[in-house]
Amino acid sequence: QDNGTWTLIDGGEGMNNFSYTRSGDGAFTEFDDNNDYMIESYV
């Protein structure tokens, strides 16, 4: 909500650093099954 889309690639256990990949209100997200792409959304 109003803090964008956050993405973690190859993360491990515990706390991880996420990348801020889209600004504004973040919404629906999805990875494809081959890890070739992800879908990120705005309002």
All heavy atoms as atom14 arrays in JSON, in Angstrom:
{
  "sequence": "QDNGTWTLIDGGEGMNNFSYTRSGDGAFTEFDDNNDYMIESYV",
  "atom14_mask": [
    [1, 1, 1, 1, 1, 1, 1, 1, 1, 0, 0, 0, 0, 0],
    [1, 1, 1, 1, 1, 1, 1, 1, 0, 0, 0, 0, 0, 0],
    [1, 1, 1, 1, 1, 1, 1, 1, 0, 0, 0, 0, 0, 0],
    [1, 1, 1, 1, 0, 0, 0, 0, 0, 0, 0, 0, 0, 0],
    [1, 1, 1, 1, 1, 1, 1, 0, 0, 0, 0, 0, 0, 0],
    [1, 1, 1, 1, 1, 1, 1, 1, 1, 1, 1, 1, 1, 1],
    [1, 1, 1, 1, 1, 1, 1, 0, 0, 0, 0, 0, 0, 0],
    [1, 1, 1, 1, 1, 1, 1, 1, 0, 0, 0, 0, 0, 0],
    [1, 1, 1, 1, 1, 1, 1, 1, 0, 0, 0, 0, 0, 0],
    [1, 1, 1, 1, 1, 1, 1, 1, 0, 0, 0, 0, 0, 0],
    [1, 1, 1, 1, 0, 0, 0, 0, 0, 0, 0, 0, 0, 0],
    [1, 1, 1, 1, 0, 0, 0, 0, 0, 0, 0, 0, 0, 0],
    [1, 1, 1, 1, 1, 1, 1, 1, 1, 0, 0, 0, 0, 0],
    [1, 1, 1, 1, 0, 0, 0, 0, 0, 0, 0, 0, 0, 0],
    [1, 1, 1, 1, 1, 1, 1, 1, 0, 0, 0, 0, 0, 0],
    [1, 1, 1, 1, 1, 1, 1, 1, 0, 0, 0, 0, 0, 0],
    [1, 1, 1, 1, 1, 1, 1, 1, 0, 0, 0, 0, 0, 0],
    [1, 1, 1, 1, 1, 1, 1, 1, 1, 1, 1, 0, 0, 0],
    [1, 1, 1, 1, 1, 1, 0, 0, 0, 0, 0, 0, 0, 0],
    [1, 1, 1, 1, 1, 1, 1, 1, 1, 1, 1, 1, 0, 0],
    [1, 1, 1, 1, 1, 1, 1, 0, 0, 0, 0, 0, 0, 0],
    [1, 1, 1, 1, 1, 1, 1, 1, 1, 1, 1, 0, 0, 0],
    [1, 1, 1, 1, 1, 1, 0, 0, 0, 0, 0, 0, 0, 0],
    [1, 1, 1, 1, 0, 0, 0, 0, 0, 0, 0, 0, 0, 0],
    [1, 1, 1, 1, 1, 1, 1, 1, 0, 0, 0, 0, 0, 0],
    [1, 1, 1, 1, 0, 0, 0, 0, 0, 0, 0, 0, 0, 0],
    [1, 1, 1, 1, 1, 0, 0, 0, 0, 0, 0, 0, 0, 0],
    [1, 1, 1, 1, 1, 1, 1, 1, 1, 1, 1, 0, 0, 0],
    [1, 1, 1, 1, 1, 1, 1, 0, 0, 0, 0, 0, 0, 0],
    [1, 1, 1, 1, 1, 1, 1, 1, 1, 0, 0, 0, 0, 0],
    [1, 1, 1, 1, 1, 1, 1, 1, 1, 1, 1, 0, 0, 0],
    [1, 1, 1, 1, 1, 1, 1, 1, 0, 0, 0, 0, 0, 0],
    [1, 1, 1, 1, 1, 1, 1, 1, 0, 0, 0, 0, 0, 0],
    [1, 1, 1, 1, 1, 1, 1, 1, 0, 0, 0, 0, 0, 0],
    [1, 1, 1, 1, 1, 1, 1, 1, 0, 0, 0, 0, 0, 0],
    [1, 1, 1, 1, 1, 1, 1, 1, 0, 0, 0, 0, 0, 0],
    [1, 1, 1, 1, 1, 1, 1, 1, 1, 1, 1, 1, 0, 0],
    [1, 1, 1, 1, 1, 1, 1, 1, 0, 0, 0, 0, 0, 0],
    [1, 1, 1, 1, 1, 1, 1, 1, 0, 0, 0, 0, 0, 0],
    [1, 1, 1, 1, 1, 1, 1, 1, 1, 0, 0, 0, 0, 0],
    [1, 1, 1, 1, 1, 1, 0, 0, 0, 0, 0, 0, 0, 0],
    [1, 1, 1, 1, 1, 1, 1, 1, 1, 1, 1, 1, 0, 0],
    [1, 1, 1, 1, 1, 1, 1, 0, 0, 0, 0, 0, 0, 0]
  ],
  "atom14_positions": [
    [[0.83, -1.19, 0.0], [0.0, 0.0, 0.0], [0.87, 1.25, 0.0], [1.55, 1.56, 0.97], [-0.93, -0.01, 1.22], [-1.99, 1.07, 1.24], [-1.48, 2.36, 1.86], [-0.63, 2.37, 2.74], [-2.01, 3.47, 1.39], [0.0, 0.0, 0.0], [0.0, 0.0, 0.0], [0.0, 0.0, 0.0], [0.0, 0.0, 0.0], [0.0, 0.0, 0.0]],
    [[0.87, 1.95, -1.13], [1.57, 3.24, -1.3], [3.07, 3.18, -1.02], [3.7, 4.21, -0.8], [0.92, 4.32, -0.43], [1.12, 5.71, -1.03], [1.39, 5.8, -2.24], [1.01, 6.71, -0.29], [0.0, 0.0, 0.0], [0.0, 0.0, 0.0], [0.0, 0.0, 0.0], [0.0, 0.0, 0.0], [0.0, 0.0, 0.0], [0.0, 0.0, 0.0]],
    [[3.62, 1.97, -1.0], [5.07, 1.83, -0.8], [5.71, 0.93, -1.84], [6.77, 0.37, -1.61], [5.35, 1.32, 0.62], [5.25, 2.42, 1.66], [6.17, 3.19, 1.88], [4.09, 2.51, 2.29], [0.0, 0.0, 0.0], [0.0, 0.0, 0.0], [0.0, 0.0, 0.0], [0.0, 0.0, 0.0], [0.0, 0.0, 0.0], [0.0, 0.0, 0.0]],
    [[5.04, 0.78, -2.98], [5.65, 0.14, -4.14], [5.68, -1.38, -4.11], [5.1, -2.04, -3.24], [0.0, 0.0, 0.0], [0.0, 0.0, 0.0], [0.0, 0.0, 0.0], [0.0, 0.0, 0.0], [0.0, 0.0, 0.0], [0.0, 0.0, 0.0], [0.0, 0.0, 0.0], [0.0, 0.0, 0.0], [0.0, 0.0, 0.0], [0.0, 0.0, 0.0]],
    [[6.39, -1.93, -5.09], [6.61, -3.37, -5.21], [8.04, -3.68, -4.8], [8.98, -3.0, -5.22], [6.38, -3.84, -6.66], [5.0, -3.59, -7.0], [6.68, -5.32, -6.81], [0.0, 0.0, 0.0], [0.0, 0.0, 0.0], [0.0, 0.0, 0.0], [0.0, 0.0, 0.0], [0.0, 0.0, 0.0], [0.0, 0.0, 0.0], [0.0, 0.0, 0.0]],
    [[8.18, -4.71, -3.97], [9.49, -5.1, -3.45], [9.8, -6.54, -3.88], [8.94, -7.41, -3.83], [9.52, -4.99, -1.93], [9.4, -3.56, -1.48], [8.25, -2.84, -1.32], [10.48, -2.68, -1.17], [8.54, -1.55, -0.92], [9.91, -1.43, -0.82], [11.86, -2.82, -1.15], [10.68, -0.33, -0.47], [12.62, -1.72, -0.78], [12.04, -0.5, -0.45]],
    [[11.03, -6.76, -4.32], [11.41, -8.04, -4.91], [12.72, -8.55, -4.31], [13.68, -7.79, -4.18], [11.56, -7.92, -6.44], [10.35, -7.38, -6.98], [11.85, -9.26, -7.07], [0.0, 0.0, 0.0], [0.0, 0.0, 0.0], [0.0, 0.0, 0.0], [0.0, 0.0, 0.0], [0.0, 0.0, 0.0], [0.0, 0.0, 0.0], [0.0, 0.0, 0.0]],
    [[12.71, -9.82, -3.97], [13.91, -10.5, -3.46], [14.27, -11.62, -4.42], [13.44, -12.47, -4.73], [13.64, -11.07, -2.07], [14.73, -11.98, -1.48], [16.0, -11.19, -1.2], [14.22, -12.65, -0.21], [0.0, 0.0, 0.0], [0.0, 0.0, 0.0], [0.0, 0.0, 0.0], [0.0, 0.0, 0.0], [0.0, 0.0, 0.0], [0.0, 0.0, 0.0]],
    [[15.49, -11.61, -4.89], [15.99, -12.68, -5.76], [17.11, -13.42, -5.05], [18.06, -12.81, -4.55], [16.5, -12.12, -7.11], [15.38, -11.37, -7.84], [17.06, -13.23, -7.98], [14.2, -12.23, -8.23], [0.0, 0.0, 0.0], [0.0, 0.0, 0.0], [0.0, 0.0, 0.0], [0.0, 0.0, 0.0], [0.0, 0.0, 0.0], [0.0, 0.0, 0.0]],
    [[16.96, -14.74, -4.98], [17.98, -15.6, -4.38], [18.21, -15.27, -2.92], [19.34, -15.14, -2.45], [19.3, -15.5, -5.18], [20.18, -16.73, -4.97], [19.63, -17.82, -4.73], [21.41, -16.58, -5.02], [0.0, 0.0, 0.0], [0.0, 0.0, 0.0], [0.0, 0.0, 0.0], [0.0, 0.0, 0.0], [0.0, 0.0, 0.0], [0.0, 0.0, 0.0]],
    [[17.12, -15.12, -2.17], [17.24, -14.78, -0.76], [17.43, -16.01, 0.11], [17.02, -17.12, -0.25], [0.0, 0.0, 0.0], [0.0, 0.0, 0.0], [0.0, 0.0, 0.0], [0.0, 0.0, 0.0], [0.0, 0.0, 0.0], [0.0, 0.0, 0.0], [0.0, 0.0, 0.0], [0.0, 0.0, 0.0], [0.0, 0.0, 0.0], [0.0, 0.0, 0.0]],
    [[18.02, -15.82, 1.26], [18.26, -16.89, 2.21], [17.41, -16.73, 3.45], [16.54, -15.87, 3.53], [0.0, 0.0, 0.0], [0.0, 0.0, 0.0], [0.0, 0.0, 0.0], [0.0, 0.0, 0.0], [0.0, 0.0, 0.0], [0.0, 0.0, 0.0], [0.0, 0.0, 0.0], [0.0, 0.0, 0.0], [0.0, 0.0, 0.0], [0.0, 0.0, 0.0]],
    [[17.66, -17.57, 4.44], [16.91, -17.5, 5.69], [17.22, -16.21, 6.43], [18.29, -15.62, 6.27], [17.25, -18.7, 6.57], [16.75, -20.04, 6.03], [16.99, -21.17, 6.99], [17.5, -20.9, 8.1], [16.67, -22.32, 6.65], [0.0, 0.0, 0.0], [0.0, 0.0, 0.0], [0.0, 0.0, 0.0], [0.0, 0.0, 0.0], [0.0, 0.0, 0.0]],
    [[16.28, -15.78, 7.26], [16.49, -14.57, 8.05], [16.17, -13.32, 7.26], [15.5, -13.35, 6.24], [0.0, 0.0, 0.0], [0.0, 0.0, 0.0], [0.0, 0.0, 0.0], [0.0, 0.0, 0.0], [0.0, 0.0, 0.0], [0.0, 0.0, 0.0], [0.0, 0.0, 0.0], [0.0, 0.0, 0.0], [0.0, 0.0, 0.0], [0.0, 0.0, 0.0]],
    [[16.68, -12.18, 7.73], [16.43, -10.89, 7.1], [17.17, -10.81, 5.76], [18.31, -11.26, 5.63], [16.88, -9.75, 8.01], [16.18, -9.73, 9.36], [14.43, -9.35, 9.25], [14.5, -7.61, 8.85], [0.0, 0.0, 0.0], [0.0, 0.0, 0.0], [0.0, 0.0, 0.0], [0.0, 0.0, 0.0], [0.0, 0.0, 0.0], [0.0, 0.0, 0.0]],
    [[16.51, -10.2, 4.77], [17.11, -10.03, 3.45], [16.87, -8.62, 2.94], [15.9, -7.95, 3.33], [16.48, -11.01, 2.45], [16.96, -12.44, 2.65], [17.9, -12.88, 2.02], [16.28, -13.15, 3.55], [0.0, 0.0, 0.0], [0.0, 0.0, 0.0], [0.0, 0.0, 0.0], [0.0, 0.0, 0.0], [0.0, 0.0, 0.0], [0.0, 0.0, 0.0]],
    [[17.73, -8.17, 2.06], [17.56, -6.88, 1.41], [16.74, -7.05, 0.13], [17.14, -7.78, -0.78], [18.92, -6.25, 1.06], [19.66, -5.8, 2.29], [19.07, -5.28, 3.23], [20.97, -5.99, 2.3], [0.0, 0.0, 0.0], [0.0, 0.0, 0.0], [0.0, 0.0, 0.0], [0.0, 0.0, 0.0], [0.0, 0.0, 0.0], [0.0, 0.0, 0.0]],
    [[15.59, -6.4, 0.07], [14.72, -6.43, -1.1], [15.04, -5.27, -2.03], [15.51, -4.22, -1.59], [13.26, -6.36, -0.69], [12.68, -7.67, -0.19], [13.16, -8.26, 0.96], [11.65, -8.28, -0.88], [12.62, -9.46, 1.43], [11.11, -9.48, -0.43], [11.59, -10.07, 0.72], [0.0, 0.0, 0.0], [0.0, 0.0, 0.0], [0.0, 0.0, 0.0]],
    [[14.75, -5.43, -3.31], [14.89, -4.36, -4.3], [13.55, -3.68, -4.52], [12.51, -4.35, -4.61], [15.41, -4.92, -5.63], [16.68, -5.51, -5.48], [0.0, 0.0, 0.0], [0.0, 0.0, 0.0], [0.0, 0.0, 0.0], [0.0, 0.0, 0.0], [0.0, 0.0, 0.0], [0.0, 0.0, 0.0], [0.0, 0.0, 0.0], [0.0, 0.0, 0.0]],
    [[13.58, -2.36, -4.62], [12.38, -1.56, -4.85], [12.17, -1.48, -6.36], [12.8, -0.68, -7.04], [12.6, -0.18, -4.24], [11.42, 0.75, -4.23], [10.2, 0.37, -3.69], [11.54, 2.04, -4.73], [9.13, 1.24, -3.64], [10.47, 2.93, -4.7], [9.27, 2.52, -4.15], [8.21, 3.4, -4.12], [0.0, 0.0, 0.0], [0.0, 0.0, 0.0]],
    [[11.29, -2.33, -6.9], [11.22, -2.48, -8.36], [10.11, -1.69, -9.01], [10.09, -1.55, -10.24], [11.06, -3.97, -8.73], [9.94, -4.53, -8.06], [12.32, -4.74, -8.34], [0.0, 0.0, 0.0], [0.0, 0.0, 0.0], [0.0, 0.0, 0.0], [0.0, 0.0, 0.0], [0.0, 0.0, 0.0], [0.0, 0.0, 0.0], [0.0, 0.0, 0.0]],
    [[9.13, -1.19, -8.23], [8.11, -0.31, -8.82], [7.55, 0.58, -7.73], [7.3, 0.14, -6.62], [6.98, -1.11, -9.47], [6.02, -0.23, -10.26], [5.11, -1.01, -11.18], [4.34, -0.09, -12.02], [3.53, -0.46, -13.0], [3.39, -1.75, -13.29], [2.86, 0.43, -13.71], [0.0, 0.0, 0.0], [0.0, 0.0, 0.0], [0.0, 0.0, 0.0]],
    [[7.34, 1.86, -8.06], [6.92, 2.83, -7.06], [5.4, 2.94, -7.01], [4.68, 2.29, -7.75], [7.53, 4.19, -7.37], [7.11, 4.64, -8.65], [0.0, 0.0, 0.0], [0.0, 0.0, 0.0], [0.0, 0.0, 0.0], [0.0, 0.0, 0.0], [0.0, 0.0, 0.0], [0.0, 0.0, 0.0], [0.0, 0.0, 0.0], [0.0, 0.0, 0.0]],
    [[4.92, 3.81, -6.12], [3.48, 4.03, -5.97], [2.83, 2.91, -5.18], [3.46, 2.25, -4.35], [0.0, 0.0, 0.0], [0.0, 0.0, 0.0], [0.0, 0.0, 0.0], [0.0, 0.0, 0.0], [0.0, 0.0, 0.0], [0.0, 0.0, 0.0], [0.0, 0.0, 0.0], [0.0, 0.0, 0.0], [0.0, 0.0, 0.0], [0.0, 0.0, 0.0]],
    [[1.55, 2.68, -5.44], [0.85, 1.57, -4.8], [1.2, 0.28, -5.52], [0.96, 0.13, -6.72], [-0.65, 1.79, -4.85], [-1.12, 2.79, -3.82], [-1.31, 2.39, -2.66], [-1.29, 3.96, -4.18], [0.0, 0.0, 0.0], [0.0, 0.0, 0.0], [0.0, 0.0, 0.0], [0.0, 0.0, 0.0], [0.0, 0.0, 0.0], [0.0, 0.0, 0.0]],
    [[1.75, -0.69, -4.78], [1.99, -1.99, -5.36], [0.75, -2.85, -5.24], [-0.05, -2.69, -4.32], [0.0, 0.0, 0.0], [0.0, 0.0, 0.0], [0.0, 0.0, 0.0], [0.0, 0.0, 0.0], [0.0, 0.0, 0.0], [0.0, 0.0, 0.0], [0.0, 0.0, 0.0], [0.0, 0.0, 0.0], [0.0, 0.0, 0.0], [0.0, 0.0, 0.0]],
    [[0.58, -3.79, -6.18], [-0.61, -4.64, -6.16], [-0.22, -6.06, -6.54], [0.73, -6.61, -5.99], [-1.68, -4.06, -7.09], [0.0, 0.0, 0.0], [0.0, 0.0, 0.0], [0.0, 0.0, 0.0], [0.0, 0.0, 0.0], [0.0, 0.0, 0.0], [0.0, 0.0, 0.0], [0.0, 0.0, 0.0], [0.0, 0.0, 0.0], [0.0, 0.0, 0.0]],
    [[-0.94, -6.66, -7.49], [-0.72, -8.05, -7.9], [0.72, -8.29, -8.32], [1.3, -7.51, -9.07], [-1.67, -8.39, -9.05], [-1.46, -9.74, -9.66], [-1.96, -10.89, -9.06], [-0.75, -9.87, -10.84], [-1.77, -12.13, -9.63], [-0.56, -11.12, -11.42], [-1.06, -12.25, -10.81], [0.0, 0.0, 0.0], [0.0, 0.0, 0.0], [0.0, 0.0, 0.0]],
    [[1.3, -9.39, -7.84], [2.64, -9.82, -8.26], [2.61, -11.32, -8.57], [1.85, -12.07, -7.97], [3.7, -9.56, -7.18], [3.27, -10.18, -5.95], [3.91, -8.08, -6.95], [0.0, 0.0, 0.0], [0.0, 0.0, 0.0], [0.0, 0.0, 0.0], [0.0, 0.0, 0.0], [0.0, 0.0, 0.0], [0.0, 0.0, 0.0], [0.0, 0.0, 0.0]],
    [[3.46, -11.73, -9.5], [3.52, -13.15, -9.87], [4.81, -13.44, -10.62], [5.24, -12.64, -11.46], [2.33, -13.51, -10.75], [2.15, -15.0, -10.98], [1.31, -15.66, -9.9], [0.2, -15.21, -9.65], [1.79, -16.66, -9.32], [0.0, 0.0, 0.0], [0.0, 0.0, 0.0], [0.0, 0.0, 0.0], [0.0, 0.0, 0.0], [0.0, 0.0, 0.0]],
    [[5.45, -14.57, -10.3], [6.58, -15.08, -11.07], [6.07, -16.13, -12.06], [5.15, -16.89, -11.74], [7.62, -15.74, -10.16], [8.4, -14.79, -9.3], [8.02, -14.57, -7.99], [9.5, -14.12, -9.79], [8.74, -13.71, -7.18], [10.23, -13.26, -8.99], [9.85, -13.05, -7.68], [0.0, 0.0, 0.0], [0.0, 0.0, 0.0], [0.0, 0.0, 0.0]],
    [[6.67, -16.18, -13.25], [6.35, -17.29, -14.14], [7.06, -18.54, -13.64], [7.94, -18.48, -12.77], [6.74, -16.97, -15.58], [8.21, -17.21, -15.85], [9.05, -16.66, -15.11], [8.53, -17.97, -16.78], [0.0, 0.0, 0.0], [0.0, 0.0, 0.0], [0.0, 0.0, 0.0], [0.0, 0.0, 0.0], [0.0, 0.0, 0.0], [0.0, 0.0, 0.0]],
    [[6.7, -19.7, -14.17], [7.22, -20.96, -13.62], [8.66, -21.25, -14.02], [9.28, -22.15, -13.46], [6.32, -22.13, -14.0], [6.06, -22.22, -15.49], [6.55, -21.34, -16.23], [5.36, -23.15, -15.92], [0.0, 0.0, 0.0], [0.0, 0.0, 0.0], [0.0, 0.0, 0.0], [0.0, 0.0, 0.0], [0.0, 0.0, 0.0], [0.0, 0.0, 0.0]],
    [[9.21, -20.5, -14.98], [10.6, -20.71, -15.39], [11.53, -19.64, -14.85], [12.72, -19.64, -15.16], [10.71, -20.74, -16.91], [10.0, -21.94, -17.51], [10.09, -23.05, -16.99], [9.3, -21.72, -18.61], [0.0, 0.0, 0.0], [0.0, 0.0, 0.0], [0.0, 0.0, 0.0], [0.0, 0.0, 0.0], [0.0, 0.0, 0.0], [0.0, 0.0, 0.0]],
    [[10.97, -18.7, -14.07], [11.77, -17.6, -13.51], [12.38, -16.72, -14.59], [13.44, -16.12, -14.4], [12.87, -18.14, -12.6], [12.72, -17.63, -11.18], [11.62, -17.33, -10.73], [13.82, -17.55, -10.47], [0.0, 0.0, 0.0], [0.0, 0.0, 0.0], [0.0, 0.0, 0.0], [0.0, 0.0, 0.0], [0.0, 0.0, 0.0], [0.0, 0.0, 0.0]],
    [[11.71, -16.62, -15.74], [12.17, -15.73, -16.81], [11.65, -14.32, -16.62], [12.26, -13.37, -17.09], [11.72, -16.26, -18.18], [12.4, -17.57, -18.56], [13.57, -17.74, -18.16], [11.76, -18.38, -19.23], [0.0, 0.0, 0.0], [0.0, 0.0, 0.0], [0.0, 0.0, 0.0], [0.0, 0.0, 0.0], [0.0, 0.0, 0.0], [0.0, 0.0, 0.0]],
    [[10.5, -14.21, -15.96], [9.92, -12.89, -15.77], [9.02, -12.88, -14.53], [8.66, -13.93, -14.0], [9.11, -12.45, -17.0], [7.87, -13.27, -17.28], [6.64, -12.96, -16.69], [7.9, -14.34, -18.17], [5.5, -13.7, -16.94], [6.76, -15.09, -18.44], [5.56, -14.76, -17.83], [4.43, -15.49, -18.09], [0.0, 0.0, 0.0], [0.0, 0.0, 0.0]],
    [[8.68, -11.69, -14.1], [7.7, -11.49, -13.05], [6.72, -10.43, -13.52], [7.01, -9.64, -14.45], [8.36, -11.06, -11.74], [9.11, -9.75, -11.82], [9.74, -9.17, -10.22], [8.23, -8.53, -9.48], [0.0, 0.0, 0.0], [0.0, 0.0, 0.0], [0.0, 0.0, 0.0], [0.0, 0.0, 0.0], [0.0, 0.0, 0.0], [0.0, 0.0, 0.0]],
    [[5.55, -10.4, -12.92], [4.56, -9.37, -13.2], [4.41, -8.52, -11.96], [4.23, -9.02, -10.85], [3.22, -9.99, -13.61], [3.37, -10.71, -14.95], [2.13, -8.92, -13.71], [2.17, -11.5, -15.37], [0.0, 0.0, 0.0], [0.0, 0.0, 0.0], [0.0, 0.0, 0.0], [0.0, 0.0, 0.0], [0.0, 0.0, 0.0], [0.0, 0.0, 0.0]],
    [[4.52, -7.21, -12.14], [4.33, -6.27, -11.05], [3.25, -5.27, -11.48], [3.06, -5.03, -12.68], [5.64, -5.57, -10.69], [6.35, -4.94, -11.87], [7.75, -4.45, -11.54], [8.27, -4.81, -10.47], [8.31, -3.7, -12.34], [0.0, 0.0, 0.0], [0.0, 0.0, 0.0], [0.0, 0.0, 0.0], [0.0, 0.0, 0.0], [0.0, 0.0, 0.0]],
    [[2.57, -4.69, -10.53], [1.37, -3.92, -10.86], [1.33, -2.6, -10.11], [1.87, -2.46, -9.01], [0.12, -4.73, -10.53], [0.17, -6.01, -11.11], [0.0, 0.0, 0.0], [0.0, 0.0, 0.0], [0.0, 0.0, 0.0], [0.0, 0.0, 0.0], [0.0, 0.0, 0.0], [0.0, 0.0, 0.0], [0.0, 0.0, 0.0], [0.0, 0.0, 0.0]],
    [[0.64, -1.67, -10.75], [0.27, -0.4, -10.13], [-1.25, -0.44, -9.95], [-1.86, -1.5, -10.05], [0.73, 0.76, -11.01], [0.5, 2.14, -10.46], [0.92, 2.48, -9.18], [-0.16, 3.1, -11.22], [0.7, 3.75, -8.67], [-0.38, 4.37, -10.72], [0.04, 4.69, -9.45], [-0.19, 5.95, -8.95], [0.0, 0.0, 0.0], [0.0, 0.0, 0.0]],
    [[-1.89, 0.65, -9.66], [-3.33, 0.66, -9.41], [-4.13, 0.5, -10.69], [-3.66, 0.79, -11.79], [-3.75, 1.94, -8.68], [-3.07, 2.03, -7.32], [-3.4, 3.18, -9.52], [0.0, 0.0, 0.0], [0.0, 0.0, 0.0], [0.0, 0.0, 0.0], [0.0, 0.0, 0.0], [0.0, 0.0, 0.0], [0.0, 0.0, 0.0], [0.0, 0.0, 0.0]]
  ]
}
